[in-house]
Amino acid sequence: MYLVYKAPPSDIIWGLVRDTRESIIDPGPWPDLDAAVKYYYLLDLEGMQPCEFSNHPGEPGTILWLGDPCEGAPNRPSDIPAAYRYTPSPGPSSVKRNQNRDQPVITEPRLGPTGSTDTQHEFAADVLRNLLRHIEAENNNGHDPFLVSHAWTDGPMMYLVYTAPPSDRTWGLARDTRESIINPSPWQDLDEAVLYYYLLDFEENQPSSSLRRPGEPNTIWWFGFPREGLPARPSDIPEANRYTPSPGASSETHGRQQDKPAITEPRRYGNPL
């Protein structure tokens, strides 16, 4: 399945690729049609919230593809056959424009009761710590690597900045750990949160095929929610928030990444773990 779309006020053209034989929330096929439609919308469209991005210099009119591997996908809308053009039905789109006065619809996160503030902050730190370990383990198992350069928490919020070779873009993930990304409620437990942050925010998005265009600055492409006031470049992030993998993981990844430098300094986080 392929979709090409825009999310105003962003002027970037986005593309989504999905193999509909596989669920994006469980290791298996979709249980039914309604589940597939629901979670493609909640996680790939609403959950990604791309409307805050602006076009970077050097890539006007190109499609930024997300989702499953997209080798051979069209580079520009003009490369797509006219037979694939989609036109929305006049009724729903006219109603939406009138109801929202031509403004984009922005859905706020759904927060559930999660206990005391201290408990929320501790949960965010635990999620980040275990997610980083999970990423290291998957990297060492031969998965296409996610190389985290910075990681920190701020209250219940969790932030990671990383690269995904061979992509030379820098990616960022922002998540409020008080809410599940698969259900309109809090996470059931720590293991569920770590599993689905990895499966959906990292593995399913597959940013490794997205390359910077000539002249494009090394800005951070943030995903998740909320993203207001986040650092624009890695150099804007305090040194205290730099992340380095454990020595074992670093050296093993070094061998697979063809002599990329292994960094073995101690781990550091914005909130000490």
C-alpha atoms as a PDB file:
ATOM      1  CA  MET A   1       0.000   0.000   0.000  1.00  0.00           C
ATOM      2  CA  TYR A   2       1.304   3.454  -0.960  1.00  0.00           C
ATOM      3  CA  LEU A   3       0.021   6.902   0.047  1.00  0.00           C
ATOM      4  CA  VAL A   4       1.475  10.289  -0.890  1.00  0.00           C
ATOM      5  CA  TYR A   5       0.168  13.278   1.039  1.00  0.00           C
ATOM      6  CA  LYS A   6       0.812  16.663   2.634  1.00  0.00           C
ATOM      7  CA  ALA A   7       0.088  17.784   6.211  1.00  0.00           C
ATOM      8  CA  PRO A   8      -0.292  21.603   6.293  1.00  0.00           C
ATOM      9  CA  PRO A   9       1.286  23.852   7.375  1.00  0.00           C
ATOM     10  CA  SER A  10       4.274  21.686   6.386  1.00  0.00           C
ATOM     11  CA  ASP A  11       5.136  21.988   2.683  1.00  0.00           C
ATOM     12  CA  ILE A  12       6.992  18.654   2.633  1.00  0.00           C
ATOM     13  CA  ILE A  13       5.495  15.881   0.486  1.00  0.00           C
ATOM     14  CA  TRP A  14       5.241  12.692   2.549  1.00  0.00           C
ATOM     15  CA  GLY A  15       4.918   9.102   1.411  1.00  0.00           C
ATOM     16  CA  LEU A  16       3.875   5.968   3.313  1.00  0.00           C
ATOM     17  CA  VAL A  17       4.721   2.396   2.271  1.00  0.00           C
ATOM     18  CA  ARG A  18       3.127  -0.564   4.042  1.00  0.00           C
ATOM     19  CA  ASP A  19       3.025  -4.316   3.422  1.00  0.00           C
ATOM     20  CA  THR A  20      -0.583  -4.999   4.425  1.00  0.00           C
ATOM     21  CA  ARG A  21       0.143  -8.679   5.020  1.00  0.00           C
ATOM     22  CA  GLU A  22       1.816  -7.740   8.298  1.00  0.00           C
ATOM     23  CA  SER A  23       0.377  -5.964  11.330  1.00  0.00           C
ATOM     24  CA  ILE A  24       2.365  -2.961  12.603  1.00  0.00           C
ATOM     25  CA  ILE A  25       1.385  -3.652  16.222  1.00  0.00           C
ATOM     26  CA  ASP A  26       1.891  -7.424  16.491  1.00  0.00           C
ATOM     27  CA  PRO A  27       4.204 -10.020  14.896  1.00  0.00           C
ATOM     28  CA  GLY A  28       1.607 -11.494  12.544  1.00  0.00           C
ATOM     29  CA  PRO A  29      -1.162 -10.564  10.098  1.00  0.00           C
ATOM     30  CA  TRP A  30      -3.930  -8.096  10.891  1.00  0.00           C
ATOM     31  CA  PRO A  31      -6.884  -9.693  12.729  1.00  0.00           C
ATOM     32  CA  ASP A  32      -9.365  -7.831  10.512  1.00  0.00           C
ATOM     33  CA  LEU A  33      -9.834  -4.864   8.179  1.00  0.00           C
ATOM     34  CA  ASP A  34     -11.004  -2.461  10.887  1.00  0.00           C
ATOM     35  CA  ALA A  35      -7.854  -3.007  12.984  1.00  0.00           C
ATOM     36  CA  ALA A  36      -5.598  -2.355   9.994  1.00  0.00           C
ATOM     37  CA  VAL A  37      -7.361   0.894   9.062  1.00  0.00           C
ATOM     38  CA  LYS A  38      -7.477   2.081  12.683  1.00  0.00           C
ATOM     39  CA  TYR A  39      -3.785   1.599  13.430  1.00  0.00           C
ATOM     40  CA  TYR A  40      -2.463   2.776  10.072  1.00  0.00           C
ATOM     41  CA  TYR A  41      -4.274   6.037  10.788  1.00  0.00           C
ATOM     42  CA  LEU A  42      -3.442   6.303  14.510  1.00  0.00           C
ATOM     43  CA  LEU A  43       0.228   5.361  14.215  1.00  0.00           C
ATOM     44  CA  ASP A  44       1.387   6.222  10.696  1.00  0.00           C
ATOM     45  CA  LEU A  45      -0.616   9.417  10.172  1.00  0.00           C
ATOM     46  CA  GLU A  46      -1.909  10.873  13.448  1.00  0.00           C
ATOM     47  CA  GLY A  47       0.924   9.460  15.539  1.00  0.00           C
ATOM     48  CA  MET A  48       3.680  10.874  13.344  1.00  0.00           C
ATOM     49  CA  GLN A  49       2.242  14.428  13.264  1.00  0.00           C
ATOM     50  CA  PRO A  50       4.385  15.681  10.327  1.00  0.00           C
ATOM     51  CA  CYS A  51       2.636  19.052  10.024  1.00  0.00           C
ATOM     52  CA  GLU A  52       5.343  21.005  11.887  1.00  0.00           C
ATOM     53  CA  PHE A  53       8.141  20.224   9.410  1.00  0.00           C
ATOM     54  CA  SER A  54       9.220  22.656   6.685  1.00  0.00           C
ATOM     55  CA  ASN A  55      11.062  21.900   3.483  1.00  0.00           C
ATOM     56  CA  HIS A  56      14.833  21.812   3.769  1.00  0.00           C
ATOM     57  CA  PRO A  57      16.996  23.522   1.124  1.00  0.00           C
ATOM     58  CA  GLY A  58      17.966  21.309  -1.761  1.00  0.00           C
ATOM     59  CA  GLU A  59      14.945  18.973  -1.828  1.00  0.00           C
ATOM     60  CA  PRO A  60      11.989  20.889  -3.324  1.00  0.00           C
ATOM     61  CA  GLY A  61       9.169  18.678  -4.499  1.00  0.00           C
ATOM     62  CA  THR A  62      10.669  15.323  -3.516  1.00  0.00           C
ATOM     63  CA  ILE A  63       8.746  12.702  -1.523  1.00  0.00           C
ATOM     64  CA  LEU A  64       9.985  11.791   1.964  1.00  0.00           C
ATOM     65  CA  TRP A  65       9.013   8.127   2.300  1.00  0.00           C
ATOM     66  CA  LEU A  66       8.231   6.472   5.647  1.00  0.00           C
ATOM     67  CA  GLY A  67       7.172   2.968   6.610  1.00  0.00           C
ATOM     68  CA  ASP A  68       8.522  -0.226   5.099  1.00  0.00           C
ATOM     69  CA  PRO A  69      11.498  -0.349   2.700  1.00  0.00           C
ATOM     70  CA  CYS A  70      10.682   1.783  -0.324  1.00  0.00           C
ATOM     71  CA  GLU A  71      13.330   0.877  -2.914  1.00  0.00           C
ATOM     72  CA  GLY A  72      12.152   1.965  -6.341  1.00  0.00           C
ATOM     73  CA  ALA A  73       9.367   4.217  -5.016  1.00  0.00           C
ATOM     74  CA  PRO A  74       8.754   7.409  -7.012  1.00  0.00           C
ATOM     75  CA  ASN A  75      10.999  10.335  -6.104  1.00  0.00           C
ATOM     76  CA  ARG A  76       8.472  13.058  -7.007  1.00  0.00           C
ATOM     77  CA  PRO A  77       4.678  13.216  -7.408  1.00  0.00           C
ATOM     78  CA  SER A  78       5.211  13.830 -11.114  1.00  0.00           C
ATOM     79  CA  ASP A  79       6.796  10.371 -11.349  1.00  0.00           C
ATOM     80  CA  ILE A  80       3.520   8.702 -10.247  1.00  0.00           C
ATOM     81  CA  PRO A  81       1.084   7.611 -13.001  1.00  0.00           C
ATOM     82  CA  ALA A  82      -2.034   9.780 -13.223  1.00  0.00           C
ATOM     83  CA  ALA A  83      -4.164   6.656 -12.714  1.00  0.00           C
ATOM     84  CA  TYR A  84      -3.046   6.657  -9.052  1.00  0.00           C
ATOM     85  CA  ARG A  85      -4.212  10.196  -8.306  1.00  0.00           C
ATOM     86  CA  TYR A  86      -6.686  10.366  -5.415  1.00  0.00           C
ATOM     87  CA  THR A  87      -9.494  12.915  -5.145  1.00  0.00           C
ATOM     88  CA  PRO A  88     -11.473  13.058  -1.868  1.00  0.00           C
ATOM     89  CA  SER A  89     -15.255  13.002  -2.001  1.00  0.00           C
ATOM     90  CA  PRO A  90     -16.645  16.572  -1.938  1.00  0.00           C
ATOM     91  CA  GLY A  91     -18.880  16.152   1.125  1.00  0.00           C
ATOM     92  CA  PRO A  92     -16.469  15.231   3.957  1.00  0.00           C
ATOM     93  CA  SER A  93     -13.654  17.542   2.863  1.00  0.00           C
ATOM     94  CA  SER A  94     -16.022  20.515   2.458  1.00  0.00           C
ATOM     95  CA  VAL A  95     -17.474  19.922   5.924  1.00  0.00           C
ATOM     96  CA  LYS A  96     -14.002  19.673   7.488  1.00  0.00           C
ATOM     97  CA  ARG A  97     -12.869  22.951   5.901  1.00  0.00           C
ATOM     98  CA  ASN A  98     -15.975  24.763   7.127  1.00  0.00           C
ATOM     99  CA  GLN A  99     -15.768  23.317  10.624  1.00  0.00           C
ATOM    100  CA  ASN A 100     -12.097  24.141  11.076  1.00  0.00           C
ATOM    101  CA  ARG A 101     -11.988  27.475   9.243  1.00  0.00           C
ATOM    102  CA  ASP A 102      -9.262  26.268   6.922  1.00  0.00           C
ATOM    103  CA  GLN A 103      -6.932  25.396   9.816  1.00  0.00           C
ATOM    104  CA  PRO A 104      -5.189  22.000  10.095  1.00  0.00           C
ATOM    105  CA  VAL A 105      -6.605  19.532  12.590  1.00  0.00           C
ATOM    106  CA  ILE A 106      -4.093  18.834  15.377  1.00  0.00           C
ATOM    107  CA  THR A 107      -4.966  16.043  17.767  1.00  0.00           C
ATOM    108  CA  GLU A 108      -3.691  16.403  21.329  1.00  0.00           C
ATOM    109  CA  PRO A 109      -2.280  13.351  23.099  1.00  0.00           C
ATOM    110  CA  ARG A 110      -4.604  11.146  25.125  1.00  0.00           C
ATOM    111  CA  LEU A 111      -3.400  10.985  28.702  1.00  0.00           C
ATOM    112  CA  GLY A 112      -4.681   8.549  31.296  1.00  0.00           C
ATOM    113  CA  PRO A 113      -4.233   8.402  35.073  1.00  0.00           C
ATOM    114  CA  THR A 114      -0.724   7.188  35.861  1.00  0.00           C
ATOM    115  CA  GLY A 115      -0.123   7.754  39.571  1.00  0.00           C
ATOM    116  CA  SER A 116       2.105  10.313  41.264  1.00  0.00           C
ATOM    117  CA  THR A 117       4.418  12.716  39.462  1.00  0.00           C
ATOM    118  CA  ASP A 118       7.497  10.954  40.878  1.00  0.00           C
ATOM    119  CA  THR A 119       6.192   7.623  39.593  1.00  0.00           C
ATOM    120  CA  GLN A 120       5.667   9.085  36.120  1.00  0.00           C
ATOM    121  CA  HIS A 121       9.223  10.459  36.042  1.00  0.00           C
ATOM    122  CA  GLU A 122      10.694   7.171  37.241  1.00  0.00           C
ATOM    123  CA  PHE A 123       8.726   5.270  34.605  1.00  0.00           C
ATOM    124  CA  ALA A 124      10.061   7.540  31.836  1.00  0.00           C
ATOM    125  CA  ALA A 125      13.645   6.961  33.024  1.00  0.00           C
ATOM    126  CA  ASP A 126      13.088   3.195  33.169  1.00  0.00           C
ATOM    127  CA  VAL A 127      11.564   3.156  29.678  1.00  0.00           C
ATOM    128  CA  LEU A 128      14.497   5.101  28.233  1.00  0.00           C
ATOM    129  CA  ARG A 129      17.105   2.923  29.937  1.00  0.00           C
ATOM    130  CA  ASN A 130      15.492  -0.305  28.747  1.00  0.00           C
ATOM    131  CA  LEU A 131      14.756   0.995  25.261  1.00  0.00           C
ATOM    132  CA  LEU A 132      18.425   1.906  24.803  1.00  0.00           C
ATOM    133  CA  ARG A 133      19.419  -1.594  25.906  1.00  0.00           C
ATOM    134  CA  HIS A 134      16.909  -3.085  23.478  1.00  0.00           C
ATOM    135  CA  ILE A 135      18.265  -0.962  20.620  1.00  0.00           C
ATOM    136  CA  GLU A 136      21.816  -2.113  21.438  1.00  0.00           C
ATOM    137  CA  ALA A 137      20.705  -5.752  21.507  1.00  0.00           C
ATOM    138  CA  GLU A 138      18.958  -5.479  18.139  1.00  0.00           C
ATOM    139  CA  ASN A 139      21.970  -3.713  16.633  1.00  0.00           C
ATOM    140  CA  ASN A 140      24.211  -6.551  17.860  1.00  0.00           C
ATOM    141  CA  ASN A 141      21.827  -9.142  16.417  1.00  0.00           C
ATOM    142  CA  GLY A 142      22.384  -7.769  12.923  1.00  0.00           C
ATOM    143  CA  HIS A 143      19.342  -5.500  12.623  1.00  0.00           C
ATOM    144  CA  ASP A 144      19.824  -2.398  10.481  1.00  0.00           C
ATOM    145  CA  PRO A 145      21.437  -0.212  13.162  1.00  0.00           C
ATOM    146  CA  PHE A 146      19.984   2.750  15.010  1.00  0.00           C
ATOM    147  CA  LEU A 147      22.920   4.751  16.374  1.00  0.00           C
ATOM    148  CA  VAL A 148      21.750   6.886  19.292  1.00  0.00           C
ATOM    149  CA  SER A 149      23.843  10.003  19.944  1.00  0.00           C
ATOM    150  CA  HIS A 150      21.714  11.716  22.612  1.00  0.00           C
ATOM    151  CA  ALA A 151      19.049  10.452  25.021  1.00  0.00           C
ATOM    152  CA  TRP A 152      17.354  12.117  27.965  1.00  0.00           C
ATOM    153  CA  THR A 153      14.143  12.472  29.911  1.00  0.00           C
ATOM    154  CA  ASP A 154      12.353  15.579  31.162  1.00  0.00           C
ATOM    155  CA  GLY A 155       9.671  14.591  33.642  1.00  0.00           C
ATOM    156  CA  PRO A 156       7.467  12.041  31.849  1.00  0.00           C
ATOM    157  CA  MET A 157       8.900  13.015  28.447  1.00  0.00           C
ATOM    158  CA  MET A 158      11.504  10.864  26.662  1.00  0.00           C
ATOM    159  CA  TYR A 159      13.798  12.082  23.864  1.00  0.00           C
ATOM    160  CA  LEU A 160      16.217  10.206  21.588  1.00  0.00           C
ATOM    161  CA  VAL A 161      18.367  11.575  18.756  1.00  0.00           C
ATOM    162  CA  TYR A 162      19.920   9.057  16.379  1.00  0.00           C
ATOM    163  CA  THR A 163      21.037   8.136  12.877  1.00  0.00           C
ATOM    164  CA  ALA A 164      19.996   5.073  10.858  1.00  0.00           C
ATOM    165  CA  PRO A 165      22.709   4.211   8.295  1.00  0.00           C
ATOM    166  CA  PRO A 166      22.889   4.395   5.360  1.00  0.00           C
ATOM    167  CA  SER A 167      20.698   7.486   5.883  1.00  0.00           C
ATOM    168  CA  ASP A 168      22.849  10.503   6.748  1.00  0.00           C
ATOM    169  CA  ARG A 169      19.928  12.411   8.260  1.00  0.00           C
ATOM    170  CA  THR A 170      19.667  12.942  12.017  1.00  0.00           C
ATOM    171  CA  TRP A 171      16.370  11.755  13.483  1.00  0.00           C
ATOM    172  CA  GLY A 172      14.677  12.603  16.773  1.00  0.00           C
ATOM    173  CA  LEU A 173      11.890  10.929  18.731  1.00  0.00           C
ATOM    174  CA  ALA A 174       9.785  12.685  21.379  1.00  0.00           C
ATOM    175  CA  ARG A 175       7.329  10.665  23.453  1.00  0.00           C
ATOM    176  CA  ASP A 176       5.166  11.314  26.495  1.00  0.00           C
ATOM    177  CA  THR A 177       5.562   8.009  28.329  1.00  0.00           C
ATOM    178  CA  ARG A 178       2.303   8.523  30.264  1.00  0.00           C
ATOM    179  CA  GLU A 179       0.334   7.433  27.195  1.00  0.00           C
ATOM    180  CA  SER A 180       0.439   4.290  25.104  1.00  0.00           C
ATOM    181  CA  ILE A 181       0.982   4.675  21.363  1.00  0.00           C
ATOM    182  CA  ILE A 182      -1.205   1.628  20.639  1.00  0.00           C
ATOM    183  CA  ASN A 183      -4.212   2.326  22.892  1.00  0.00           C
ATOM    184  CA  PRO A 184      -5.961   5.438  24.274  1.00  0.00           C
ATOM    185  CA  SER A 185      -4.695   4.730  27.805  1.00  0.00           C
ATOM    186  CA  PRO A 186      -1.448   4.396  29.780  1.00  0.00           C
ATOM    187  CA  TRP A 187       1.009   1.592  29.057  1.00  0.00           C
ATOM    188  CA  GLN A 188       0.193  -1.690  30.800  1.00  0.00           C
ATOM    189  CA  ASP A 189       3.806  -2.147  31.934  1.00  0.00           C
ATOM    190  CA  LEU A 190       7.438  -1.322  31.164  1.00  0.00           C
ATOM    191  CA  ASP A 191       7.993  -4.261  28.796  1.00  0.00           C
ATOM    192  CA  GLU A 192       5.020  -3.303  26.626  1.00  0.00           C
ATOM    193  CA  ALA A 193       6.241   0.296  26.342  1.00  0.00           C
ATOM    194  CA  VAL A 194       9.774  -0.707  25.336  1.00  0.00           C
ATOM    195  CA  LEU A 195       8.551  -3.302  22.822  1.00  0.00           C
ATOM    196  CA  TYR A 196       6.198  -0.995  20.941  1.00  0.00           C
ATOM    197  CA  TYR A 197       8.413   2.085  21.017  1.00  0.00           C
ATOM    198  CA  TYR A 198      11.019  -0.042  19.271  1.00  0.00           C
ATOM    199  CA  LEU A 199       8.664  -1.852  16.879  1.00  0.00           C
ATOM    200  CA  LEU A 200       6.654   1.207  15.829  1.00  0.00           C
ATOM    201  CA  ASP A 201       8.861   4.256  16.316  1.00  0.00           C
ATOM    202  CA  PHE A 202      12.103   2.661  15.147  1.00  0.00           C
ATOM    203  CA  GLU A 203      11.694  -0.599  13.222  1.00  0.00           C
ATOM    204  CA  GLU A 204       8.446   0.234  11.403  1.00  0.00           C
ATOM    205  CA  ASN A 205       9.469   3.753  10.362  1.00  0.00           C
ATOM    206  CA  GLN A 206      12.635   2.514   8.653  1.00  0.00           C
ATOM    207  CA  PRO A 207      14.267   5.930   7.989  1.00  0.00           C
ATOM    208  CA  SER A 208      17.476   4.333   6.690  1.00  0.00           C
ATOM    209  CA  SER A 209      16.549   4.867   3.019  1.00  0.00           C
ATOM    210  CA  SER A 210      16.043   8.639   3.430  1.00  0.00           C
ATOM    211  CA  LEU A 211      19.124  10.631   2.409  1.00  0.00           C
ATOM    212  CA  ARG A 212      19.943  14.301   2.739  1.00  0.00           C
ATOM    213  CA  ARG A 213      19.847  16.349  -0.463  1.00  0.00           C
ATOM    214  CA  PRO A 214      22.800  18.533  -1.535  1.00  0.00           C
ATOM    215  CA  GLY A 215      22.916  21.658   0.606  1.00  0.00           C
ATOM    216  CA  GLU A 216      20.492  20.333   3.234  1.00  0.00           C
ATOM    217  CA  PRO A 217      21.633  21.313   6.769  1.00  0.00           C
ATOM    218  CA  ASN A 218      22.151  18.728   9.497  1.00  0.00           C
ATOM    219  CA  THR A 219      18.947  19.506  11.341  1.00  0.00           C
ATOM    220  CA  ILE A 220      17.088  16.980  13.494  1.00  0.00           C
ATOM    221  CA  TRP A 221      13.975  15.473  11.922  1.00  0.00           C
ATOM    222  CA  TRP A 222      11.734  15.095  14.960  1.00  0.00           C
ATOM    223  CA  PHE A 223       8.853  12.623  15.163  1.00  0.00           C
ATOM    224  CA  GLY A 224       6.415  11.825  17.939  1.00  0.00           C
ATOM    225  CA  PHE A 225       4.574  14.274  20.163  1.00  0.00           C
ATOM    226  CA  PRO A 226       4.889  16.966  21.494  1.00  0.00           C
ATOM    227  CA  ARG A 227       7.741  18.688  19.649  1.00  0.00           C
ATOM    228  CA  GLU A 228       7.494  22.347  20.673  1.00  0.00           C
ATOM    229  CA  GLY A 229      10.804  23.931  21.653  1.00  0.00           C
ATOM    230  CA  LEU A 230      13.020  20.951  20.803  1.00  0.00           C
ATOM    231  CA  PRO A 231      16.656  21.374  19.678  1.00  0.00           C
ATOM    232  CA  ALA A 232      16.988  22.031  15.955  1.00  0.00           C
ATOM    233  CA  ARG A 233      20.513  20.569  15.610  1.00  0.00           C
ATOM    234  CA  PRO A 234      22.603  18.046  17.550  1.00  0.00           C
ATOM    235  CA  SER A 235      24.955  20.889  18.508  1.00  0.00           C
ATOM    236  CA  ASP A 236      22.052  22.553  20.363  1.00  0.00           C
ATOM    237  CA  ILE A 237      21.745  19.613  22.806  1.00  0.00           C
ATOM    238  CA  PRO A 238      23.647  19.876  26.124  1.00  0.00           C
ATOM    239  CA  GLU A 239      26.686  17.630  26.336  1.00  0.00           C
ATOM    240  CA  ALA A 240      25.205  16.058  29.469  1.00  0.00           C
ATOM    241  CA  ASN A 241      22.531  14.448  27.280  1.00  0.00           C
ATOM    242  CA  ARG A 242      25.013  12.653  25.017  1.00  0.00           C
ATOM    243  CA  TYR A 243      24.553   8.879  24.939  1.00  0.00           C
ATOM    244  CA  THR A 244      27.257   6.293  24.315  1.00  0.00           C
ATOM    245  CA  PRO A 245      26.558   2.558  24.077  1.00  0.00           C
ATOM    246  CA  SER A 246      28.156   0.064  26.412  1.00  0.00           C
ATOM    247  CA  PRO A 247      31.708  -0.990  25.404  1.00  0.00           C
ATOM    248  CA  GLY A 248      30.657  -4.477  24.294  1.00  0.00           C
ATOM    249  CA  ALA A 249      27.833  -3.249  22.111  1.00  0.00           C
ATOM    250  CA  SER A 250      30.001  -0.491  20.741  1.00  0.00           C
ATOM    251  CA  SER A 251      32.831  -2.782  19.682  1.00  0.00           C
ATOM    252  CA  GLU A 252      30.502  -5.380  18.115  1.00  0.00           C
ATOM    253  CA  THR A 253      28.655  -2.710  16.159  1.00  0.00           C
ATOM    254  CA  HIS A 254      32.053  -1.336  15.127  1.00  0.00           C
ATOM    255  CA  GLY A 255      32.873  -4.596  13.407  1.00  0.00           C
ATOM    256  CA  ARG A 256      29.687  -4.588  11.362  1.00  0.00           C
ATOM    257  CA  GLN A 257      29.826  -0.912  10.497  1.00  0.00           C
ATOM    258  CA  GLN A 258      33.189  -1.210   8.723  1.00  0.00           C
ATOM    259  CA  ASP A 259      35.514   0.673  10.998  1.00  0.00           C
ATOM    260  CA  LYS A 260      33.150   3.353  12.218  1.00  0.00           C
ATOM    261  CA  PRO A 261      34.635   4.611  15.521  1.00  0.00           C
ATOM    262  CA  ALA A 262      33.503   2.834  18.679  1.00  0.00           C
ATOM    263  CA  ILE A 263      32.713   5.163  21.587  1.00  0.00           C
ATOM    264  CA  THR A 264      33.068   3.668  25.036  1.00  0.00           C
ATOM    265  CA  GLU A 265      32.474   6.579  27.413  1.00  0.00           C
ATOM    266  CA  PRO A 266      29.999   6.092  30.281  1.00  0.00           C
ATOM    267  CA  ARG A 267      26.283   6.630  29.663  1.00  0.00           C
ATOM    268  CA  ARG A 268      24.851  10.039  30.463  1.00  0.00           C
ATOM    269  CA  TYR A 269      21.271  11.291  30.526  1.00  0.00           C
ATOM    270  CA  GLY A 270      19.497  14.586  31.151  1.00  0.00           C
ATOM    271  CA  ASN A 271      17.809  12.965  34.161  1.00  0.00           C
ATOM    272  CA  PRO A 272      20.383  10.736  35.938  1.00  0.00           C
ATOM    273  CA  LEU A 273      19.340   7.100  35.793  1.00  0.00           C
END
